[in-house]
Amino acid sequence: MVFPLEQLVQYNDNIYEITVAASTRAYQLAKVNDPEIEKNHDKVVCLAARQLFTNKVHYRIEKNS
């Protein structure tokens, strides 16, 4: 699967936030060697971005006090 570029272009929120979330999620997937990567023949970043855009994975910003 390719990077969900169309969804990225249509994204109306903070692009920096979604980029950081995708990067963090990609790191998590790679670290645990998630079987979904191999099953779908995806690049880790593409899979992470798709998970975020399809709301399979959610993120939140933590405020430092």
Protein backbone atom coordinates (compact mmCIF):
# COMPACT_ATOMS: atom_id res chain seq x y z
CA MET A 1 0.00 0.00 0.00
CA VAL A 2 1.22 3.50 -0.72
CA PHE A 3 1.22 6.48 1.59
CA PRO A 4 -2.31 7.91 1.95
CA LEU A 5 -1.41 11.15 0.18
CA GLU A 6 -5.00 12.09 -0.71
CA GLN A 7 -6.02 11.90 2.94
CA LEU A 8 -3.02 13.98 3.91
CA VAL A 9 -3.92 16.69 1.39
CA GLN A 10 -7.51 16.78 2.65
CA TYR A 11 -6.45 16.89 6.31
CA ASN A 12 -7.69 20.15 7.85
CA ASP A 13 -6.11 20.02 11.29
CA ASN A 14 -2.54 20.66 12.40
CA ILE A 15 -0.30 18.86 9.91
CA TYR A 16 2.63 18.95 12.33
CA GLU A 17 0.62 17.03 14.93
CA ILE A 18 -0.39 14.25 12.55
CA THR A 19 3.18 14.01 11.26
CA VAL A 20 4.58 13.59 14.77
CA ALA A 21 1.82 11.09 15.61
CA ALA A 22 2.58 9.04 12.47
CA SER A 23 6.29 9.08 13.22
CA THR A 24 5.71 7.97 16.79
CA ARG A 25 3.29 5.25 15.70
CA ALA A 26 5.73 4.02 13.04
CA TYR A 27 8.42 3.72 15.70
CA GLN A 28 6.05 1.70 17.89
CA LEU A 29 5.13 -0.64 15.03
CA ALA A 30 8.76 -1.19 14.07
CA LYS A 31 9.85 -1.74 17.66
CA VAL A 32 7.36 -4.57 18.25
CA ASN A 33 7.71 -5.91 14.69
CA ASP A 34 3.95 -5.74 14.17
CA PRO A 35 2.72 -8.61 11.95
CA GLU A 36 0.40 -6.21 10.07
CA ILE A 37 3.48 -4.72 8.38
CA GLU A 38 4.40 -8.04 6.78
CA LYS A 39 0.78 -9.05 6.14
CA ASN A 40 0.04 -5.94 4.08
CA HIS A 41 3.53 -5.53 2.60
CA ASP A 42 3.53 -1.96 3.87
CA LYS A 43 6.23 0.43 4.77
CA VAL A 44 6.01 1.19 8.47
CA VAL A 45 5.31 4.92 8.02
CA CYS A 46 2.57 4.22 5.45
CA LEU A 47 0.87 1.79 7.78
CA ALA A 48 1.11 4.22 10.70
CA ALA A 49 -0.34 7.08 8.66
CA ARG A 50 -3.17 4.91 7.37
CA GLN A 51 -4.00 3.81 10.92
CA LEU A 52 -4.24 7.44 12.00
CA PHE A 53 -6.31 8.62 9.03
CA THR A 54 -8.77 5.72 9.35
CA ASN A 55 -9.04 6.28 13.11
CA LYS A 56 -7.79 2.81 13.91
CA VAL A 57 -5.29 4.52 16.20
CA HIS A 58 -5.95 7.77 18.04
CA TYR A 59 -3.47 10.20 19.53
CA ARG A 60 -3.62 12.98 22.05
CA ILE A 61 -1.32 15.81 22.99
CA GLU A 62 -0.08 15.67 26.53
CA LYS A 63 0.38 18.98 28.24
CA ASN A 64 3.51 19.35 30.36
CA SER A 65 2.80 21.20 33.58
